[in-house]
PDB file of all heavy atoms in Angstrom:
ATOM      1  N   PHE A   1     -32.541  85.026  -1.754  1.00  0.00           N
ATOM      2  CA  PHE A   1     -32.414  86.361  -1.216  1.00  0.00           C
ATOM      3  C   PHE A   1     -31.377  87.226  -2.010  1.00  0.00           C
ATOM      4  O   PHE A   1     -31.555  88.390  -2.123  1.00  0.00           O
ATOM      5  CB  PHE A   1     -31.887  86.332   0.254  1.00  0.00           C
ATOM      6  CG  PHE A   1     -32.952  85.640   1.115  1.00  0.00           C
ATOM      7  CD1 PHE A   1     -32.662  84.350   1.653  1.00  0.00           C
ATOM      8  CD2 PHE A   1     -34.149  86.206   1.452  1.00  0.00           C
ATOM      9  CE1 PHE A   1     -33.561  83.665   2.371  1.00  0.00           C
ATOM     10  CE2 PHE A   1     -35.065  85.535   2.231  1.00  0.00           C
ATOM     11  CZ  PHE A   1     -34.792  84.295   2.685  1.00  0.00           C
ATOM     12  N   THR A   2     -30.428  86.575  -2.610  1.00  0.00           N
ATOM     13  CA  THR A   2     -29.378  87.309  -3.362  1.00  0.00           C
ATOM     14  C   THR A   2     -29.755  87.518  -4.793  1.00  0.00           C
ATOM     15  O   THR A   2     -29.209  88.410  -5.472  1.00  0.00           O
ATOM     16  CB  THR A   2     -28.010  86.619  -3.255  1.00  0.00           C
ATOM     17  OG1 THR A   2     -28.165  85.308  -3.833  1.00  0.00           O
ATOM     18  CG2 THR A   2     -27.500  86.592  -1.886  1.00  0.00           C
ATOM     19  N   GLY A   3     -30.608  86.640  -5.308  1.00  0.00           N
ATOM     20  CA  GLY A   3     -30.902  86.715  -6.734  1.00  0.00           C
ATOM     21  C   GLY A   3     -29.753  86.146  -7.535  1.00  0.00           C
ATOM     22  O   GLY A   3     -28.912  85.485  -7.003  1.00  0.00           O
ATOM     23  N   GLN A   4     -29.708  86.458  -8.820  1.00  0.00           N
ATOM     24  CA  GLN A   4     -28.653  85.951  -9.663  1.00  0.00           C
ATOM     25  C   GLN A   4     -27.609  87.080  -9.798  1.00  0.00           C
ATOM     26  O   GLN A   4     -27.966  88.159 -10.378  1.00  0.00           O
ATOM     27  CB  GLN A   4     -29.167  85.518 -11.047  1.00  0.00           C
ATOM     28  CG  GLN A   4     -30.035  84.313 -10.950  1.00  0.00           C
ATOM     29  CD  GLN A   4     -30.625  83.988 -12.361  1.00  0.00           C
ATOM     30  OE1 GLN A   4     -30.812  84.749 -13.247  1.00  0.00           O
ATOM     31  NE2 GLN A   4     -30.956  82.670 -12.475  1.00  0.00           N
ATOM     32  N   THR A   5     -26.437  86.829  -9.369  1.00  0.00           N
ATOM     33  CA  THR A   5     -25.346  87.863  -9.441  1.00  0.00           C
ATOM     34  C   THR A   5     -24.101  87.176  -9.875  1.00  0.00           C
ATOM     35  O   THR A   5     -23.870  86.016  -9.633  1.00  0.00           O
ATOM     36  CB  THR A   5     -25.135  88.582  -8.087  1.00  0.00           C
ATOM     37  OG1 THR A   5     -24.670  87.624  -7.147  1.00  0.00           O
ATOM     38  CG2 THR A   5     -26.389  89.250  -7.568  1.00  0.00           C
ATOM     39  N   THR A   6     -23.274  87.932 -10.537  1.00  0.00           N
ATOM     40  CA  THR A   6     -21.947  87.411 -10.947  1.00  0.00           C
ATOM     41  C   THR A   6     -20.915  88.521 -10.892  1.00  0.00           C
ATOM     42  O   THR A   6     -21.218  89.696 -11.082  1.00  0.00           O
ATOM     43  CB  THR A   6     -21.938  86.859 -12.425  1.00  0.00           C
ATOM     44  OG1 THR A   6     -22.308  87.858 -13.275  1.00  0.00           O
ATOM     45  CG2 THR A   6     -22.790  85.637 -12.531  1.00  0.00           C
ATOM     46  N   GLU A   7     -19.738  88.179 -10.541  1.00  0.00           N
ATOM     47  CA  GLU A   7     -18.565  89.041 -10.638  1.00  0.00           C
ATOM     48  C   GLU A   7     -17.548  88.172 -11.452  1.00  0.00           C
ATOM     49  O   GLU A   7     -17.387  86.979 -11.242  1.00  0.00           O
ATOM     50  CB  GLU A   7     -17.962  89.314  -9.346  1.00  0.00           C
ATOM     51  CG  GLU A   7     -18.746  90.196  -8.411  1.00  0.00           C
ATOM     52  CD  GLU A   7     -18.111  90.404  -7.080  1.00  0.00           C
ATOM     53  OE1 GLU A   7     -16.943  90.574  -7.052  1.00  0.00           O
ATOM     54  OE2 GLU A   7     -18.816  90.307  -6.104  1.00  0.00           O
ATOM     55  N   GLU A   8     -16.816  88.853 -12.377  1.00  0.00           N
ATOM     56  CA  GLU A   8     -15.911  88.098 -13.134  1.00  0.00           C
ATOM     57  C   GLU A   8     -14.573  88.836 -13.265  1.00  0.00           C
ATOM     58  O   GLU A   8     -14.578  90.053 -13.249  1.00  0.00           O
ATOM     59  CB  GLU A   8     -16.390  87.751 -14.553  1.00  0.00           C
ATOM     60  CG  GLU A   8     -16.670  88.878 -15.389  1.00  0.00           C
ATOM     61  CD  GLU A   8     -17.188  88.591 -16.809  1.00  0.00           C
ATOM     62  OE1 GLU A   8     -18.349  88.224 -16.892  1.00  0.00           O
ATOM     63  OE2 GLU A   8     -16.334  88.472 -17.741  1.00  0.00           O
ATOM     64  N   TYR A   9     -13.465  88.123 -13.357  1.00  0.00           N
ATOM     65  CA  TYR A   9     -12.140  88.728 -13.395  1.00  0.00           C
ATOM     66  C   TYR A   9     -11.330  87.954 -14.411  1.00  0.00           C
ATOM     67  O   TYR A   9     -11.151  86.733 -14.271  1.00  0.00           O
ATOM     68  CB  TYR A   9     -11.444  88.619 -12.028  1.00  0.00           C
ATOM     69  CG  TYR A   9     -12.172  89.307 -10.989  1.00  0.00           C
ATOM     70  CD1 TYR A   9     -13.217  88.685 -10.206  1.00  0.00           C
ATOM     71  CD2 TYR A   9     -11.929  90.623 -10.660  1.00  0.00           C
ATOM     72  CE1 TYR A   9     -13.906  89.296  -9.260  1.00  0.00           C
ATOM     73  CE2 TYR A   9     -12.633  91.326  -9.696  1.00  0.00           C
ATOM     74  CZ  TYR A   9     -13.584  90.602  -8.926  1.00  0.00           C
ATOM     75  OH  TYR A   9     -14.318  91.304  -7.965  1.00  0.00           O
ATOM     76  N   LYS A  10     -10.852  88.554 -15.476  1.00  0.00           N
ATOM     77  CA  LYS A  10      -9.921  87.891 -16.321  1.00  0.00           C
ATOM     78  C   LYS A  10      -8.615  87.786 -15.638  1.00  0.00           C
ATOM     79  O   LYS A  10      -8.308  88.603 -14.809  1.00  0.00           O
ATOM     80  CB  LYS A  10      -9.783  88.769 -17.648  1.00  0.00           C
ATOM     81  CG  LYS A  10     -11.079  88.817 -18.460  1.00  0.00           C
ATOM     82  CD  LYS A  10     -10.900  89.505 -19.811  1.00  0.00           C
ATOM     83  CE  LYS A  10     -12.166  89.356 -20.530  1.00  0.00           C
ATOM     84  NZ  LYS A  10     -12.088  89.807 -21.901  1.00  0.00           N
ATOM     85  N   TYR A  11      -7.935  86.706 -16.002  1.00  0.00           N
ATOM     86  CA  TYR A  11      -6.649  86.360 -15.271  1.00  0.00           C
ATOM     87  C   TYR A  11      -5.639  87.482 -15.371  1.00  0.00           C
ATOM     88  O   TYR A  11      -4.859  87.627 -14.427  1.00  0.00           O
ATOM     89  CB  TYR A  11      -6.110  85.034 -15.738  1.00  0.00           C
ATOM     90  CG  TYR A  11      -7.034  83.849 -15.389  1.00  0.00           C
ATOM     91  CD1 TYR A  11      -7.724  83.145 -16.400  1.00  0.00           C
ATOM     92  CD2 TYR A  11      -7.262  83.504 -14.101  1.00  0.00           C
ATOM     93  CE1 TYR A  11      -8.525  82.077 -16.075  1.00  0.00           C
ATOM     94  CE2 TYR A  11      -8.093  82.474 -13.765  1.00  0.00           C
ATOM     95  CZ  TYR A  11      -8.698  81.777 -14.736  1.00  0.00           C
ATOM     96  OH  TYR A  11      -9.519  80.703 -14.433  1.00  0.00           O
ATOM     97  N   GLU A  12      -5.592  88.175 -16.498  1.00  0.00           N
ATOM     98  CA  GLU A  12      -4.539  89.247 -16.590  1.00  0.00           C
ATOM     99  C   GLU A  12      -4.836  90.389 -15.584  1.00  0.00           C
ATOM    100  O   GLU A  12      -3.902  91.151 -15.316  1.00  0.00           O
ATOM    101  CB  GLU A  12      -4.495  89.840 -18.025  1.00  0.00           C
ATOM    102  CG  GLU A  12      -5.790  90.226 -18.669  1.00  0.00           C
ATOM    103  CD  GLU A  12      -6.497  89.202 -19.519  1.00  0.00           C
ATOM    104  OE1 GLU A  12      -6.083  87.962 -19.407  1.00  0.00           O
ATOM    105  OE2 GLU A  12      -7.403  89.489 -20.210  1.00  0.00           O
ATOM    106  N   ARG A  13      -5.965  90.417 -14.962  1.00  0.00           N
ATOM    107  CA  ARG A  13      -6.290  91.506 -13.927  1.00  0.00           C
ATOM    108  C   ARG A  13      -5.861  91.041 -12.583  1.00  0.00           C
ATOM    109  O   ARG A  13      -5.766  91.857 -11.635  1.00  0.00           O
ATOM    110  CB  ARG A  13      -7.773  91.768 -13.908  1.00  0.00           C
ATOM    111  CG  ARG A  13      -8.294  92.578 -15.029  1.00  0.00           C
ATOM    112  CD  ARG A  13      -9.664  93.025 -14.822  1.00  0.00           C
ATOM    113  NE  ARG A  13      -9.815  93.764 -13.591  1.00  0.00           N
ATOM    114  CZ  ARG A  13     -10.947  93.793 -12.853  1.00  0.00           C
ATOM    115  NH1 ARG A  13     -12.047  93.116 -13.234  1.00  0.00           N
ATOM    116  NH2 ARG A  13     -11.031  94.480 -11.696  1.00  0.00           N
ATOM    117  N   LEU A  14      -5.508  89.754 -12.474  1.00  0.00           N
ATOM    118  CA  LEU A  14      -5.162  89.239 -11.058  1.00  0.00           C
ATOM    119  C   LEU A  14      -3.642  89.209 -10.851  1.00  0.00           C
ATOM    120  O   LEU A  14      -2.911  88.896 -11.736  1.00  0.00           O
ATOM    121  CB  LEU A  14      -5.667  87.796 -10.953  1.00  0.00           C
ATOM    122  CG  LEU A  14      -7.197  87.551 -11.124  1.00  0.00           C
ATOM    123  CD1 LEU A  14      -7.562  86.166 -11.010  1.00  0.00           C
ATOM    124  CD2 LEU A  14      -7.953  88.477 -10.167  1.00  0.00           C
ATOM    125  N   GLY A  15      -3.252  89.634  -9.650  1.00  0.00           N
ATOM    126  CA  GLY A  15      -1.833  89.792  -9.331  1.00  0.00           C
ATOM    127  C   GLY A  15      -1.275  88.570  -8.679  1.00  0.00           C
ATOM    128  O   GLY A  15      -0.206  88.044  -8.987  1.00  0.00           O
ATOM    129  N   SER A  16      -2.044  87.974  -7.738  1.00  0.00           N
ATOM    130  CA  SER A  16      -1.598  86.742  -7.066  1.00  0.00           C
ATOM    131  C   SER A  16      -2.770  86.224  -6.174  1.00  0.00           C
ATOM    132  O   SER A  16      -3.787  86.871  -6.029  1.00  0.00           O
ATOM    133  CB  SER A  16      -0.375  87.061  -6.104  1.00  0.00           C
ATOM    134  OG  SER A  16      -0.776  87.974  -5.147  1.00  0.00           O
ATOM    135  N   ALA A  17      -2.446  85.032  -5.597  1.00  0.00           N
ATOM    136  CA  ALA A  17      -3.448  84.362  -4.705  1.00  0.00           C
ATOM    137  C   ALA A  17      -2.684  83.829  -3.514  1.00  0.00           C
ATOM    138  O   ALA A  17      -1.530  83.302  -3.751  1.00  0.00           O
ATOM    139  CB  ALA A  17      -4.252  83.331  -5.464  1.00  0.00           C
ATOM    140  N   GLU A  18      -3.267  83.844  -2.325  1.00  0.00           N
ATOM    141  CA  GLU A  18      -2.603  83.501  -1.126  1.00  0.00           C
ATOM    142  C   GLU A  18      -3.597  82.679  -0.232  1.00  0.00           C
ATOM    143  O   GLU A  18      -4.665  83.179   0.066  1.00  0.00           O
ATOM    144  CB  GLU A  18      -2.112  84.706  -0.392  1.00  0.00           C
ATOM    145  CG  GLU A  18      -1.567  84.461   0.964  1.00  0.00           C
ATOM    146  CD  GLU A  18      -1.249  85.787   1.670  1.00  0.00           C
ATOM    147  OE1 GLU A  18      -1.903  86.820   1.500  1.00  0.00           O
ATOM    148  OE2 GLU A  18      -0.280  85.736   2.449  1.00  0.00           O
ATOM    149  N   PHE A  19      -3.238  81.492   0.032  1.00  0.00           N
ATOM    150  CA  PHE A  19      -4.032  80.625   0.922  1.00  0.00           C
ATOM    151  C   PHE A  19      -3.679  80.925   2.368  1.00  0.00           C
ATOM    152  O   PHE A  19      -2.510  80.910   2.727  1.00  0.00           O
ATOM    153  CB  PHE A  19      -3.874  79.123   0.580  1.00  0.00           C
ATOM    154  CG  PHE A  19      -4.609  78.211   1.578  1.00  0.00           C
ATOM    155  CD1 PHE A  19      -5.979  78.097   1.447  1.00  0.00           C
ATOM    156  CD2 PHE A  19      -3.939  77.517   2.554  1.00  0.00           C
ATOM    157  CE1 PHE A  19      -6.661  77.243   2.208  1.00  0.00           C
ATOM    158  CE2 PHE A  19      -4.654  76.667   3.397  1.00  0.00           C
ATOM    159  CZ  PHE A  19      -6.039  76.589   3.224  1.00  0.00           C
ATOM    160  N   ILE A  20      -4.691  81.239   3.217  1.00  0.00           N
ATOM    161  CA  ILE A  20      -4.510  81.552   4.590  1.00  0.00           C
ATOM    162  C   ILE A  20      -5.128  80.470   5.458  1.00  0.00           C
ATOM    163  O   ILE A  20      -6.303  80.120   5.256  1.00  0.00           O
ATOM    164  CB  ILE A  20      -5.182  82.925   4.953  1.00  0.00           C
ATOM    165  CG1 ILE A  20      -4.704  84.036   4.023  1.00  0.00           C
ATOM    166  CG2 ILE A  20      -4.883  83.270   6.432  1.00  0.00           C
ATOM    167  CD1 ILE A  20      -3.283  84.458   4.161  1.00  0.00           C
ATOM    168  N   ASN A  21      -4.423  79.952   6.410  1.00  0.00           N
ATOM    169  CA  ASN A  21      -4.951  78.942   7.311  1.00  0.00           C
ATOM    170  C   ASN A  21      -4.597  79.329   8.743  1.00  0.00           C
ATOM    171  O   ASN A  21      -3.506  79.117   9.182  1.00  0.00           O
ATOM    172  CB  ASN A  21      -4.322  77.520   6.972  1.00  0.00           C
ATOM    173  CG  ASN A  21      -5.076  76.426   7.658  1.00  0.00           C
ATOM    174  OD1 ASN A  21      -6.114  76.590   8.314  1.00  0.00           O
ATOM    175  ND2 ASN A  21      -4.513  75.248   7.490  1.00  0.00           N
ATOM    176  N   LYS A  22      -5.576  79.912   9.406  1.00  0.00           N
ATOM    177  CA  LYS A  22      -5.422  80.426  10.778  1.00  0.00           C
ATOM    178  C   LYS A  22      -6.428  79.638  11.687  1.00  0.00           C
ATOM    179  O   LYS A  22      -7.575  79.757  11.544  1.00  0.00           O
ATOM    180  CB  LYS A  22      -5.662  81.851  10.873  1.00  0.00           C
ATOM    181  CG  LYS A  22      -4.676  82.783  10.165  1.00  0.00           C
ATOM    182  CD  LYS A  22      -5.037  84.218  10.442  1.00  0.00           C
ATOM    183  CE  LYS A  22      -3.972  85.101   9.809  1.00  0.00           C
ATOM    184  NZ  LYS A  22      -4.289  86.537   9.937  1.00  0.00           N
ATOM    185  N   PHE A  23      -5.822  78.807  12.533  1.00  0.00           N
ATOM    186  CA  PHE A  23      -6.609  78.061  13.426  1.00  0.00           C
ATOM    187  C   PHE A  23      -7.617  77.156  12.565  1.00  0.00           C
ATOM    188  O   PHE A  23      -7.196  76.452  11.759  1.00  0.00           O
ATOM    189  CB  PHE A  23      -7.311  78.890  14.510  1.00  0.00           C
ATOM    190  CG  PHE A  23      -6.314  79.794  15.226  1.00  0.00           C
ATOM    191  CD1 PHE A  23      -6.318  81.120  15.042  1.00  0.00           C
ATOM    192  CD2 PHE A  23      -5.359  79.169  16.057  1.00  0.00           C
ATOM    193  CE1 PHE A  23      -5.437  81.964  15.655  1.00  0.00           C
ATOM    194  CE2 PHE A  23      -4.446  80.077  16.694  1.00  0.00           C
ATOM    195  CZ  PHE A  23      -4.446  81.385  16.477  1.00  0.00           C
ATOM    196  N   ALA A  24      -8.880  77.255  12.839  1.00  0.00           N
ATOM    197  CA  ALA A  24      -9.919  76.527  12.134  1.00  0.00           C
ATOM    198  C   ALA A  24     -10.425  77.334  10.958  1.00  0.00           C
ATOM    199  O   ALA A  24     -11.235  76.818  10.146  1.00  0.00           O
ATOM    200  CB  ALA A  24     -11.068  76.228  13.032  1.00  0.00           C
ATOM    201  N   ASP A  25      -9.889  78.534  10.759  1.00  0.00           N
ATOM    202  CA  ASP A  25     -10.388  79.417   9.667  1.00  0.00           C
ATOM    203  C   ASP A  25      -9.418  79.307   8.503  1.00  0.00           C
ATOM    204  O   ASP A  25      -8.203  79.483   8.679  1.00  0.00           O
ATOM    205  CB  ASP A  25     -10.465  80.815  10.177  1.00  0.00           C
ATOM    206  CG  ASP A  25     -11.236  81.739   9.298  1.00  0.00           C
ATOM    207  OD1 ASP A  25     -12.054  81.266   8.475  1.00  0.00           O
ATOM    208  OD2 ASP A  25     -10.994  83.011   9.448  1.00  0.00           O
ATOM    209  N   HIS A  26      -9.897  78.993   7.312  1.00  0.00           N
ATOM    210  CA  HIS A  26      -9.053  79.061   6.116  1.00  0.00           C
ATOM    211  C   HIS A  26      -9.827  79.760   5.002  1.00  0.00           C
ATOM    212  O   HIS A  26     -11.008  79.668   4.879  1.00  0.00           O
ATOM    213  CB  HIS A  26      -8.630  77.619   5.664  1.00  0.00           C
ATOM    214  CG  HIS A  26      -9.744  76.664   5.527  1.00  0.00           C
ATOM    215  ND1 HIS A  26     -10.213  75.907   6.568  1.00  0.00           N
ATOM    216  CD2 HIS A  26     -10.514  76.341   4.462  1.00  0.00           C
ATOM    217  CE1 HIS A  26     -11.198  75.166   6.131  1.00  0.00           C
ATOM    218  NE2 HIS A  26     -11.407  75.408   4.847  1.00  0.00           N
ATOM    219  N   TYR A  27      -9.046  80.502   4.244  1.00  0.00           N
ATOM    220  CA  TYR A  27      -9.651  81.268   3.131  1.00  0.00           C
ATOM    221  C   TYR A  27      -8.511  81.555   2.111  1.00  0.00           C
ATOM    222  O   TYR A  27      -7.387  81.327   2.327  1.00  0.00           O
ATOM    223  CB  TYR A  27     -10.273  82.551   3.661  1.00  0.00           C
ATOM    224  CG  TYR A  27      -9.411  83.454   4.511  1.00  0.00           C
ATOM    225  CD1 TYR A  27      -8.772  84.486   3.873  1.00  0.00           C
ATOM    226  CD2 TYR A  27      -9.330  83.296   5.834  1.00  0.00           C
ATOM    227  CE1 TYR A  27      -7.910  85.283   4.693  1.00  0.00           C
ATOM    228  CE2 TYR A  27      -8.527  84.095   6.634  1.00  0.00           C
ATOM    229  CZ  TYR A  27      -7.838  85.184   6.020  1.00  0.00           C
ATOM    230  OH  TYR A  27      -7.091  85.912   6.757  1.00  0.00           O
ATOM    231  N   LEU A  28      -8.998  82.086   1.006  1.00  0.00           N
ATOM    232  CA  LEU A  28      -8.129  82.458  -0.141  1.00  0.00           C
ATOM    233  C   LEU A  28      -8.251  83.941  -0.413  1.00  0.00           C
ATOM    234  O   LEU A  28      -9.328  84.365  -0.625  1.00  0.00           O
ATOM    235  CB  LEU A  28      -8.461  81.544  -1.344  1.00  0.00           C
ATOM    236  CG  LEU A  28      -7.622  81.744  -2.589  1.00  0.00           C
ATOM    237  CD1 LEU A  28      -6.239  81.214  -2.300  1.00  0.00           C
ATOM    238  CD2 LEU A  28      -8.218  81.017  -3.767  1.00  0.00           C
ATOM    239  N   ASN A  29      -7.073  84.581  -0.354  1.00  0.00           N
ATOM    240  CA  ASN A  29      -7.035  85.990  -0.801  1.00  0.00           C
ATOM    241  C   ASN A  29      -6.576  86.059  -2.246  1.00  0.00           C
ATOM    242  O   ASN A  29      -5.525  85.515  -2.547  1.00  0.00           O
ATOM    243  CB  ASN A  29      -6.083  86.845   0.056  1.00  0.00           C
ATOM    244  CG  ASN A  29      -6.629  87.225   1.419  1.00  0.00           C
ATOM    245  OD1 ASN A  29      -7.822  87.208   1.601  1.00  0.00           O
ATOM    246  ND2 ASN A  29      -5.758  87.505   2.318  1.00  0.00           N
ATOM    247  N   ILE A  30      -7.331  86.707  -3.060  1.00  0.00           N
ATOM    248  CA  ILE A  30      -6.954  86.899  -4.499  1.00  0.00           C
ATOM    249  C   ILE A  30      -6.749  88.387  -4.725  1.00  0.00           C
ATOM    250  O   ILE A  30      -7.708  89.148  -4.484  1.00  0.00           O
ATOM    251  CB  ILE A  30      -7.966  86.294  -5.436  1.00  0.00           C
ATOM    252  CG1 ILE A  30      -8.270  84.829  -5.074  1.00  0.00           C
ATOM    253  CG2 ILE A  30      -7.539  86.509  -6.852  1.00  0.00           C
ATOM    254  CD1 ILE A  30      -9.431  84.262  -5.806  1.00  0.00           C
ATOM    255  N   TYR A  31      -5.588  88.768  -5.053  1.00  0.00           N
ATOM    256  CA  TYR A  31      -5.251  90.232  -5.209  1.00  0.00           C
ATOM    257  C   TYR A  31      -5.445  90.703  -6.594  1.00  0.00           C
ATOM    258  O   TYR A  31      -4.917  90.069  -7.570  1.00  0.00           O
ATOM    259  CB  TYR A  31      -3.829  90.500  -4.690  1.00  0.00           C
ATOM    260  CG  TYR A  31      -3.617  90.107  -3.217  1.00  0.00           C
ATOM    261  CD1 TYR A  31      -3.112  88.850  -2.917  1.00  0.00           C
ATOM    262  CD2 TYR A  31      -4.015  90.910  -2.261  1.00  0.00           C
ATOM    263  CE1 TYR A  31      -2.982  88.457  -1.571  1.00  0.00           C
ATOM    264  CE2 TYR A  31      -3.838  90.540  -0.914  1.00  0.00           C
ATOM    265  CZ  TYR A  31      -3.283  89.332  -0.621  1.00  0.00           C
ATOM    266  OH  TYR A  31      -3.195  88.926   0.710  1.00  0.00           O
ATOM    267  N   VAL A  32      -6.183  91.783  -6.792  1.00  0.00           N
ATOM    268  CA  VAL A  32      -6.449  92.363  -8.097  1.00  0.00           C
ATOM    269  C   VAL A  32      -5.338  93.378  -8.466  1.00  0.00           C
ATOM    270  O   VAL A  32      -5.060  94.244  -7.582  1.00  0.00           O
ATOM    271  CB  VAL A  32      -7.838  93.044  -8.221  1.00  0.00           C
ATOM    272  CG1 VAL A  32      -8.095  93.537  -9.613  1.00  0.00           C
ATOM    273  CG2 VAL A  32      -8.896  91.923  -7.853  1.00  0.00           C
ATOM    274  N   LYS A  33      -4.705  93.279  -9.544  1.00  0.00           N
ATOM    275  CA  LYS A  33      -3.600  94.131  -9.988  1.00  0.00           C
ATOM    276  C   LYS A  33      -4.048  95.617  -9.993  1.00  0.00           C
ATOM    277  O   LYS A  33      -5.153  95.924 -10.316  1.00  0.00           O
ATOM    278  CB  LYS A  33      -3.161  93.824 -11.371  1.00  0.00           C
ATOM    279  CG  LYS A  33      -2.251  92.666 -11.505  1.00  0.00           C
ATOM    280  CD  LYS A  33      -1.826  92.626 -12.997  1.00  0.00           C
ATOM    281  CE  LYS A  33      -1.059  91.348 -13.359  1.00  0.00           C
ATOM    282  NZ  LYS A  33      -0.833  91.225 -14.707  1.00  0.00           N
ATOM    283  N   ASN A  34      -3.062  96.506  -9.620  1.00  0.00           N
ATOM    284  CA  ASN A  34      -3.264  97.924  -9.724  1.00  0.00           C
ATOM    285  C   ASN A  34      -4.415  98.468  -8.944  1.00  0.00           C
ATOM    286  O   ASN A  34      -4.997  99.483  -9.251  1.00  0.00           O
ATOM    287  CB  ASN A  34      -3.323  98.418 -11.145  1.00  0.00           C
ATOM    288  CG  ASN A  34      -2.125  97.972 -12.005  1.00  0.00           C
ATOM    289  OD1 ASN A  34      -1.023  98.007 -11.437  1.00  0.00           O
ATOM    290  ND2 ASN A  34      -2.297  97.569 -13.175  1.00  0.00           N
ATOM    291  N   THR A  35      -4.890  97.747  -7.904  1.00  0.00           N
ATOM    292  CA  THR A  35      -5.997  98.163  -7.065  1.00  0.00           C
ATOM    293  C   THR A  35      -5.640  97.713  -5.619  1.00  0.00           C
ATOM    294  O   THR A  35      -4.691  96.900  -5.408  1.00  0.00           O
ATOM    295  CB  THR A  35      -7.339  97.553  -7.445  1.00  0.00           C
ATOM    296  OG1 THR A  35      -7.358  96.160  -7.109  1.00  0.00           O
ATOM    297  CG2 THR A  35      -7.640  97.768  -8.912  1.00  0.00           C
ATOM    298  N   GLN A  36      -6.475  98.070  -4.702  1.00  0.00           N
ATOM    299  CA  GLN A  36      -6.355  97.543  -3.370  1.00  0.00           C
ATOM    300  C   GLN A  36      -7.409  96.474  -3.110  1.00  0.00           C
ATOM    301  O   GLN A  36      -7.550  96.077  -1.996  1.00  0.00           O
ATOM    302  CB  GLN A  36      -6.435  98.696  -2.341  1.00  0.00           C
ATOM    303  CG  GLN A  36      -5.313  99.675  -2.382  1.00  0.00           C
ATOM    304  CD  GLN A  36      -5.435 100.737  -1.385  1.00  0.00           C
ATOM    305  OE1 GLN A  36      -6.385 100.884  -0.607  1.00  0.00           O
ATOM    306  NE2 GLN A  36      -4.412 101.647  -1.370  1.00  0.00           N
ATOM    307  N   GLN A  37      -8.029  96.071  -4.177  1.00  0.00           N
ATOM    308  CA  GLN A  37      -9.122  95.018  -4.021  1.00  0.00           C
ATOM    309  C   GLN A  37      -8.528  93.620  -3.792  1.00  0.00           C
ATOM    310  O   GLN A  37      -7.572  93.234  -4.404  1.00  0.00           O
ATOM    311  CB  GLN A  37      -9.894  95.068  -5.324  1.00  0.00           C
ATOM    312  CG  GLN A  37     -11.079  94.104  -5.221  1.00  0.00           C
ATOM    313  CD  GLN A  37     -11.962  94.034  -6.480  1.00  0.00           C
ATOM    314  OE1 GLN A  37     -11.605  94.664  -7.421  1.00  0.00           O
ATOM    315  NE2 GLN A  37     -12.996  93.220  -6.407  1.00  0.00           N
ATOM    316  N   VAL A  38      -9.129  93.016  -2.777  1.00  0.00           N
ATOM    317  CA  VAL A  38      -8.767  91.659  -2.420  1.00  0.00           C
ATOM    318  C   VAL A  38     -10.102  90.879  -2.478  1.00  0.00           C
ATOM    319  O   VAL A  38     -11.053  91.211  -1.796  1.00  0.00           O
ATOM    320  CB  VAL A  38      -8.196  91.554  -1.035  1.00  0.00           C
ATOM    321  CG1 VAL A  38      -7.822  90.102  -0.693  1.00  0.00           C
ATOM    322  CG2 VAL A  38      -6.919  92.427  -0.898  1.00  0.00           C
ATOM    323  N   ILE A  39     -10.116  89.796  -3.251  1.00  0.00           N
ATOM    324  CA  ILE A  39     -11.218  88.894  -3.240  1.00  0.00           C
ATOM    325  C   ILE A  39     -10.950  87.854  -2.232  1.00  0.00           C
ATOM    326  O   ILE A  39      -9.964  87.139  -2.403  1.00  0.00           O
ATOM    327  CB  ILE A  39     -11.339  88.252  -4.722  1.00  0.00           C
ATOM    328  CG1 ILE A  39     -11.459  89.360  -5.765  1.00  0.00           C
ATOM    329  CG2 ILE A  39     -12.563  87.322  -4.759  1.00  0.00           C
ATOM    330  CD1 ILE A  39     -11.148  88.769  -7.173  1.00  0.00           C
ATOM    331  N   LYS A  40     -11.885  87.676  -1.233  1.00  0.00           N
ATOM    332  CA  LYS A  40     -11.732  86.786  -0.216  1.00  0.00           C
ATOM    333  C   LYS A  40     -12.727  85.660  -0.293  1.00  0.00           C
ATOM    334  O   LYS A  40     -13.914  85.930  -0.244  1.00  0.00           O
ATOM    335  CB  LYS A  40     -11.848  87.456   1.141  1.00  0.00           C
ATOM    336  CG  LYS A  40     -10.662  87.342   2.022  1.00  0.00           C
ATOM    337  CD  LYS A  40     -10.866  88.051   3.287  1.00  0.00           C
ATOM    338  CE  LYS A  40      -9.484  88.600   3.664  1.00  0.00           C
ATOM    339  NZ  LYS A  40      -9.286  89.193   4.929  1.00  0.00           N
ATOM    340  N   LEU A  41     -12.275  84.400  -0.490  1.00  0.00           N
ATOM    341  CA  LEU A  41     -13.174  83.305  -0.615  1.00  0.00           C
ATOM    342  C   LEU A  41     -13.055  82.421   0.600  1.00  0.00           C
ATOM    343  O   LEU A  41     -11.988  82.030   1.044  1.00  0.00           O
ATOM    344  CB  LEU A  41     -12.830  82.455  -1.808  1.00  0.00           C
ATOM    345  CG  LEU A  41     -12.869  83.172  -3.166  1.00  0.00           C
ATOM    346  CD1 LEU A  41     -12.480  82.216  -4.281  1.00  0.00           C
ATOM    347  CD2 LEU A  41     -14.188  83.767  -3.454  1.00  0.00           C
ATOM    348  N   TYR A  42     -14.161  82.112   1.288  1.00  0.00           N
ATOM    349  CA  TYR A  42     -14.287  81.367   2.526  1.00  0.00           C
ATOM    350  C   TYR A  42     -15.104  80.063   2.347  1.00  0.00           C
ATOM    351  O   TYR A  42     -15.892  80.027   1.396  1.00  0.00           O
ATOM    352  CB  TYR A  42     -14.992  82.140   3.609  1.00  0.00           C
ATOM    353  CG  TYR A  42     -14.281  83.356   4.154  1.00  0.00           C
ATOM    354  CD1 TYR A  42     -14.510  84.658   3.593  1.00  0.00           C
ATOM    355  CD2 TYR A  42     -13.433  83.222   5.263  1.00  0.00           C
ATOM    356  CE1 TYR A  42     -13.845  85.707   4.077  1.00  0.00           C
ATOM    357  CE2 TYR A  42     -12.788  84.322   5.718  1.00  0.00           C
ATOM    358  CZ  TYR A  42     -13.043  85.562   5.191  1.00  0.00           C
ATOM    359  OH  TYR A  42     -12.362  86.666   5.660  1.00  0.00           O
ATOM    360  N   GLY A  43     -14.946  79.161   3.305  1.00  0.00           N
ATOM    361  CA  GLY A  43     -15.936  78.134   3.472  1.00  0.00           C
ATOM    362  C   GLY A  43     -15.677  76.900   2.665  1.00  0.00           C
ATOM    363  O   GLY A  43     -16.308  75.885   2.866  1.00  0.00           O
ATOM    364  N   ALA A  44     -14.930  76.957   1.673  1.00  0.00           N
ATOM    365  CA  ALA A  44     -14.678  75.774   0.882  1.00  0.00           C
ATOM    366  C   ALA A  44     -13.612  74.976   1.525  1.00  0.00           C
ATOM    367  O   ALA A  44     -12.913  75.386   2.468  1.00  0.00           O
ATOM    368  CB  ALA A  44     -14.132  76.159  -0.529  1.00  0.00           C
TER     369      ALA A  44
END
């Protein structure tokens, strides 16, 4: 359904990463420098 897609980020564009563990939900927030963009990874 999604086809082949990719998003890529060179490390110099990334500001930090934060692991969140709330109850049974856990995910990773990756903050992109100089933007308000947050890459949120779930389910792993």
